[in-house]
Amino acid sequence: MTPVNIPLLAIDVGNTSTVLGLLQSDGTPIRSFRIRTDRDALPDNYALMIRSLLDLAKTPEPHSAIISSVAPPVGQNIMLALQAYWGIPVYEVGHHNLNVQIDLKDPTTVGADRLVNMFGVWEHVKEGKYAIIVDFGTASTFDVIQAPRRFMGGVIAPGPSTAADALFNKTAKLPRVPLIAPPSAIGRTTPEAIQSGLVYGYVEMVDGMIRRLSEEMPEKPVVIATGGFARTLMGLCRNIDVYDDDVTIKGLINIWREHAQD
């Protein structure tokens, strides 16, 4: 049996940013950090970044680590850094080492982050019940699951920031605007009109997609939203039941607990 060493460093490598959460084995957070995902950084670069963050925050040293990555070269470099400089065991999450049912035509194509999220919503969804997990990132995903371990499929759409970047980069005169809801759907300035399209337009897409997915499910699902943009949509989306910023980190903790008991 692998000992549940503490503190645990849980790492979620996304396309745009990487979240590092230092936690006690019971899931109690010690400190979390968010850094830019840098595909050009080498293991030594990541070691320096992690070392600097831990020193600045005056946190205890991690004794174990678990990592989920949608950018494999970055995940591998972080793992190499942790193994070389900290000498700690690092557990990499993937479809191949999780006890899950994946209803996809090719289960090897599902992103590790989407499976991790399934483990992170257990407190919100009773066993045997259905849920839709909406994760707002560089790509926004709508994942249909049956708790606790059945991944049924879902939807991948451009994330809000990706849509905003495309609009700004592909037009000559439209300004870049912050992703916040304007006072009304009818924009009375160009920035307000852009914000209306990006925020209220996204709200309608989210509500519509949840409604369409729900119609194809055996019963009404619980809908959980997570990711950086979720809080912006709070109070705007009609079909989201729960907002939880920490779904992915919670999922990593639950996976680590199972791994430690094997």
Protein backbone atom coordinates (compact mmCIF):
# COMPACT_ATOMS: atom_id res chain seq x y z
CA MET A 1 0.00 0.00 0.00
CA THR A 2 1.28 3.46 -0.94
CA PRO A 3 1.37 5.76 2.10
CA VAL A 4 -0.75 8.90 1.96
CA ASN A 5 2.12 11.33 2.31
CA ILE A 6 1.37 14.93 3.15
CA PRO A 7 1.36 17.63 2.05
CA LEU A 8 0.03 16.69 -1.40
CA LEU A 9 0.69 18.87 -4.45
CA ALA A 10 -2.24 18.59 -6.87
CA ILE A 11 -1.51 20.04 -10.31
CA ASP A 12 -3.99 20.78 -13.09
CA VAL A 13 -2.21 21.72 -16.33
CA GLY A 14 -4.58 23.56 -18.67
CA ASN A 15 -3.99 25.02 -22.10
CA THR A 16 -3.70 28.58 -20.80
CA SER A 17 -2.96 28.32 -17.08
CA THR A 18 -1.75 25.75 -14.59
CA VAL A 19 -3.18 25.49 -11.08
CA LEU A 20 -1.09 24.06 -8.26
CA GLY A 21 -2.85 23.26 -5.01
CA LEU A 22 -0.92 22.30 -1.87
CA LEU A 23 -3.20 20.32 0.42
CA GLN A 24 -3.29 18.16 3.50
CA SER A 25 -4.28 14.55 2.84
CA ASP A 26 -7.83 15.25 4.06
CA GLY A 27 -8.21 17.87 1.33
CA THR A 28 -7.69 20.88 3.58
CA PRO A 29 -6.07 23.54 1.38
CA ILE A 30 -2.75 25.00 2.45
CA ARG A 31 -2.16 27.29 -0.52
CA SER A 32 -2.96 27.43 -4.22
CA PHE A 33 -1.09 29.05 -7.10
CA ARG A 34 -1.95 29.83 -10.71
CA ILE A 35 0.81 30.20 -13.30
CA ARG A 36 0.86 30.56 -17.06
CA THR A 37 1.16 27.29 -18.96
CA ASP A 38 4.45 27.67 -20.81
CA ARG A 39 5.07 25.06 -23.49
CA ASP A 40 8.63 26.33 -23.97
CA ALA A 41 9.65 25.95 -20.32
CA LEU A 42 12.07 23.15 -19.47
CA PRO A 43 11.99 21.03 -16.29
CA ASP A 44 14.54 23.34 -14.66
CA ASN A 45 12.33 26.35 -15.43
CA TYR A 46 9.35 24.72 -13.76
CA ALA A 47 11.48 23.65 -10.80
CA LEU A 48 12.54 27.26 -10.33
CA MET A 49 8.94 28.50 -10.56
CA ILE A 50 7.65 25.95 -8.05
CA ARG A 51 10.59 26.56 -5.71
CA SER A 52 9.99 30.32 -5.83
CA LEU A 53 6.25 29.97 -5.15
CA LEU A 54 6.77 27.67 -2.17
CA ASP A 55 9.47 29.93 -0.72
CA LEU A 56 7.46 33.13 -1.19
CA ALA A 57 4.38 31.59 0.42
CA LYS A 58 6.46 29.95 3.18
CA THR A 59 4.58 26.68 2.73
CA PRO A 60 5.68 23.19 3.80
CA GLU A 61 7.38 21.00 1.24
CA PRO A 62 5.20 18.60 -0.78
CA HIS A 63 5.77 14.92 -0.07
CA SER A 64 3.66 13.57 -2.95
CA ALA A 65 2.12 14.92 -6.14
CA ILE A 66 -0.69 14.12 -8.55
CA ILE A 67 -0.98 15.73 -11.97
CA SER A 68 -3.56 16.01 -14.73
CA SER A 69 -2.45 17.61 -17.99
CA VAL A 70 -4.07 18.49 -21.31
CA ALA A 71 -0.66 19.70 -22.53
CA PRO A 72 1.44 16.50 -22.32
CA PRO A 73 4.89 18.09 -22.85
CA VAL A 74 4.22 20.54 -20.02
CA GLY A 75 2.94 17.84 -17.71
CA GLN A 76 5.99 15.70 -18.40
CA ASN A 77 8.36 18.59 -17.71
CA ILE A 78 6.67 19.38 -14.40
CA MET A 79 6.86 15.71 -13.41
CA LEU A 80 10.56 15.63 -14.26
CA ALA A 81 11.12 18.77 -12.17
CA LEU A 82 9.36 17.31 -9.14
CA GLN A 83 11.18 14.00 -9.39
CA ALA A 84 14.60 15.58 -9.97
CA TYR A 85 14.50 18.32 -7.32
CA TRP A 86 12.05 17.05 -4.72
CA GLY A 87 12.42 13.30 -5.23
CA ILE A 88 8.72 12.72 -4.54
CA PRO A 89 6.30 10.22 -6.11
CA VAL A 90 4.20 11.77 -8.87
CA TYR A 91 0.98 10.11 -10.04
CA GLU A 92 -0.12 11.08 -13.56
CA VAL A 93 -3.84 10.76 -14.21
CA GLY A 94 -5.12 9.33 -17.47
CA HIS A 95 -7.87 7.16 -18.92
CA HIS A 96 -5.56 4.14 -18.64
CA ASN A 97 -5.23 4.20 -14.85
CA LEU A 98 -8.69 5.23 -13.66
CA ASN A 99 -11.44 2.82 -12.69
CA VAL A 100 -14.10 4.38 -14.92
CA GLN A 101 -16.59 3.47 -17.62
CA ILE A 102 -16.07 5.59 -20.75
CA ASP A 103 -18.91 5.41 -23.28
CA LEU A 104 -16.90 6.94 -26.14
CA LYS A 105 -16.18 5.29 -29.47
CA ASP A 106 -12.48 5.74 -28.69
CA PRO A 107 -11.92 6.09 -24.92
CA THR A 108 -8.26 7.00 -25.46
CA THR A 109 -9.28 10.39 -26.87
CA VAL A 110 -10.92 11.80 -23.74
CA GLY A 111 -8.93 14.48 -21.92
CA ALA A 112 -7.67 13.63 -18.45
CA ASP A 113 -9.17 16.85 -17.06
CA ARG A 114 -12.67 15.76 -18.07
CA LEU A 115 -12.31 12.45 -16.23
CA VAL A 116 -10.81 14.16 -13.19
CA ASN A 117 -13.83 16.47 -12.99
CA MET A 118 -16.10 13.42 -12.73
CA PHE A 119 -14.32 12.52 -9.48
CA GLY A 120 -14.65 16.11 -8.23
CA VAL A 121 -18.46 16.36 -8.16
CA TRP A 122 -19.23 13.44 -5.85
CA GLU A 123 -20.45 15.78 -3.11
CA HIS A 124 -23.02 17.25 -5.51
CA VAL A 125 -24.35 14.11 -7.23
CA LYS A 126 -25.76 11.01 -5.57
CA GLU A 127 -24.54 7.61 -6.72
CA GLY A 128 -26.42 6.45 -9.81
CA LYS A 129 -27.70 9.93 -10.61
CA TYR A 130 -26.81 11.99 -13.67
CA ALA A 131 -24.96 15.28 -14.02
CA ILE A 132 -23.61 17.73 -16.55
CA ILE A 133 -20.27 19.30 -15.64
CA VAL A 134 -19.61 22.58 -17.44
CA ASP A 135 -15.95 23.60 -17.28
CA PHE A 136 -15.15 27.04 -18.68
CA GLY A 137 -11.56 27.15 -19.93
CA THR A 138 -9.70 27.81 -23.16
CA ALA A 139 -12.18 25.25 -24.45
CA SER A 140 -15.46 24.93 -22.59
CA THR A 141 -16.60 21.36 -22.01
CA PHE A 142 -20.03 19.98 -21.18
CA ASP A 143 -19.51 16.50 -19.76
CA VAL A 144 -22.41 14.12 -19.25
CA ILE A 145 -21.81 11.64 -16.43
CA GLN A 146 -23.56 9.12 -14.24
CA ALA A 147 -22.08 9.24 -10.76
CA PRO A 148 -19.70 8.09 -9.65
CA ARG A 149 -17.70 6.66 -12.59
CA ARG A 150 -19.55 6.62 -15.88
CA PHE A 151 -18.42 9.16 -18.49
CA MET A 152 -21.13 9.25 -21.17
CA GLY A 153 -19.73 11.89 -23.53
CA GLY A 154 -20.33 15.56 -24.03
CA VAL A 155 -19.60 18.74 -25.92
CA ILE A 156 -16.47 20.81 -26.58
CA ALA A 157 -16.90 24.47 -27.54
CA PRO A 158 -14.62 27.51 -27.75
CA GLY A 159 -14.13 29.10 -24.34
CA PRO A 160 -15.21 32.71 -23.73
CA SER A 161 -11.65 34.06 -23.80
CA THR A 162 -10.93 32.10 -26.98
CA ALA A 163 -13.99 33.62 -28.64
CA ALA A 164 -12.96 37.09 -27.45
CA ASP A 165 -9.42 36.64 -28.78
CA ALA A 166 -10.72 35.48 -32.16
CA LEU A 167 -13.02 38.50 -32.41
CA PHE A 168 -10.23 40.91 -31.51
CA ASN A 169 -7.60 39.30 -33.74
CA LYS A 170 -9.81 38.88 -36.79
CA THR A 171 -11.31 42.38 -36.90
CA ALA A 172 -9.58 45.66 -37.63
CA LYS A 173 -11.51 48.09 -35.44
CA LEU A 174 -13.16 46.16 -32.65
CA PRO A 175 -11.45 46.77 -29.29
CA ARG A 176 -10.51 44.14 -26.74
CA VAL A 177 -12.92 44.36 -23.81
CA PRO A 178 -13.09 42.77 -20.35
CA LEU A 179 -15.34 39.73 -20.10
CA ILE A 180 -18.02 41.21 -17.87
CA ALA A 181 -21.76 41.54 -18.34
CA PRO A 182 -22.85 44.96 -19.66
CA PRO A 183 -25.84 46.79 -18.11
CA SER A 184 -28.23 45.48 -20.76
CA ALA A 185 -28.31 43.12 -23.72
CA ILE A 186 -28.80 46.09 -26.03
CA GLY A 187 -25.32 47.57 -26.23
CA ARG A 188 -25.23 51.36 -26.45
CA THR A 189 -21.51 51.54 -27.13
CA THR A 190 -19.26 49.30 -29.19
CA PRO A 191 -17.58 47.82 -26.08
CA GLU A 192 -21.00 47.13 -24.52
CA ALA A 193 -22.20 45.50 -27.75
CA ILE A 194 -19.14 43.23 -27.78
CA GLN A 195 -19.61 42.36 -24.11
CA SER A 196 -23.26 41.56 -24.75
CA GLY A 197 -22.34 39.17 -27.53
CA LEU A 198 -19.56 37.53 -25.55
CA VAL A 199 -21.34 37.26 -22.19
CA TYR A 200 -25.08 37.16 -22.88
CA GLY A 201 -24.52 35.27 -26.11
CA TYR A 202 -22.46 32.75 -24.18
CA VAL A 203 -25.14 32.50 -21.50
CA GLU A 204 -27.72 31.57 -24.12
CA MET A 205 -25.37 29.01 -25.66
CA VAL A 206 -24.74 27.44 -22.25
CA ASP A 207 -28.42 27.31 -21.28
CA GLY A 208 -29.38 25.99 -24.70
CA MET A 209 -26.72 23.30 -24.68
CA ILE A 210 -27.67 22.18 -21.17
CA ARG A 211 -31.31 21.98 -22.23
CA ARG A 212 -30.48 19.96 -25.35
CA LEU A 213 -28.21 17.55 -23.46
CA SER A 214 -30.80 17.13 -20.70
CA GLU A 215 -33.39 16.08 -23.27
CA GLU A 216 -31.14 13.17 -24.28
CA MET A 217 -30.60 11.95 -20.71
CA PRO A 218 -32.70 9.41 -18.77
CA GLU A 219 -33.62 11.93 -16.06
CA LYS A 220 -33.07 15.54 -15.09
CA PRO A 221 -29.35 16.02 -14.33
CA VAL A 222 -27.62 18.14 -11.73
CA VAL A 223 -25.63 20.84 -13.54
CA ILE A 224 -22.31 21.91 -12.01
CA ALA A 225 -20.24 24.79 -13.37
CA THR A 226 -16.53 25.28 -12.76
CA GLY A 227 -13.61 27.11 -14.35
CA GLY A 228 -12.50 30.72 -14.37
CA PHE A 229 -15.52 32.13 -16.23
CA ALA A 230 -18.15 30.34 -14.15
CA ARG A 231 -18.47 33.12 -11.57
CA THR A 232 -19.06 35.69 -14.32
CA LEU A 233 -22.11 33.72 -15.38
CA MET A 234 -23.48 33.27 -11.85
CA GLY A 235 -27.00 34.62 -11.75
CA LEU A 236 -27.16 34.86 -15.55
CA CYS A 237 -27.50 31.20 -16.56
CA ARG A 238 -30.90 29.72 -15.75
CA ASN A 239 -29.93 26.06 -16.00
CA ILE A 240 -26.86 25.82 -13.72
CA ASP A 241 -27.53 24.39 -10.26
CA VAL A 242 -24.12 24.52 -8.56
CA TYR A 243 -21.02 26.69 -8.94
CA ASP A 244 -17.85 25.05 -7.61
CA ASP A 245 -14.44 26.61 -8.32
CA ASP A 246 -12.52 23.59 -7.06
CA VAL A 247 -14.00 20.65 -8.99
CA THR A 248 -10.72 19.64 -10.65
CA ILE A 249 -8.61 19.89 -7.49
CA LYS A 250 -11.25 17.92 -5.54
CA GLY A 251 -11.19 15.31 -8.28
CA LEU A 252 -7.42 14.98 -8.04
CA ILE A 253 -7.66 14.55 -4.27
CA ASN A 254 -10.29 11.80 -4.59
CA ILE A 255 -8.22 10.02 -7.23
CA TRP A 256 -5.11 10.25 -5.05
CA ARG A 257 -6.95 8.74 -2.09
CA GLU A 258 -7.93 5.75 -4.21
CA HIS A 259 -4.41 5.43 -5.62
CA ALA A 260 -2.90 5.55 -2.14
CA GLN A 261 -5.09 2.64 -1.03
CA ASP A 262 -4.01 0.34 -3.88
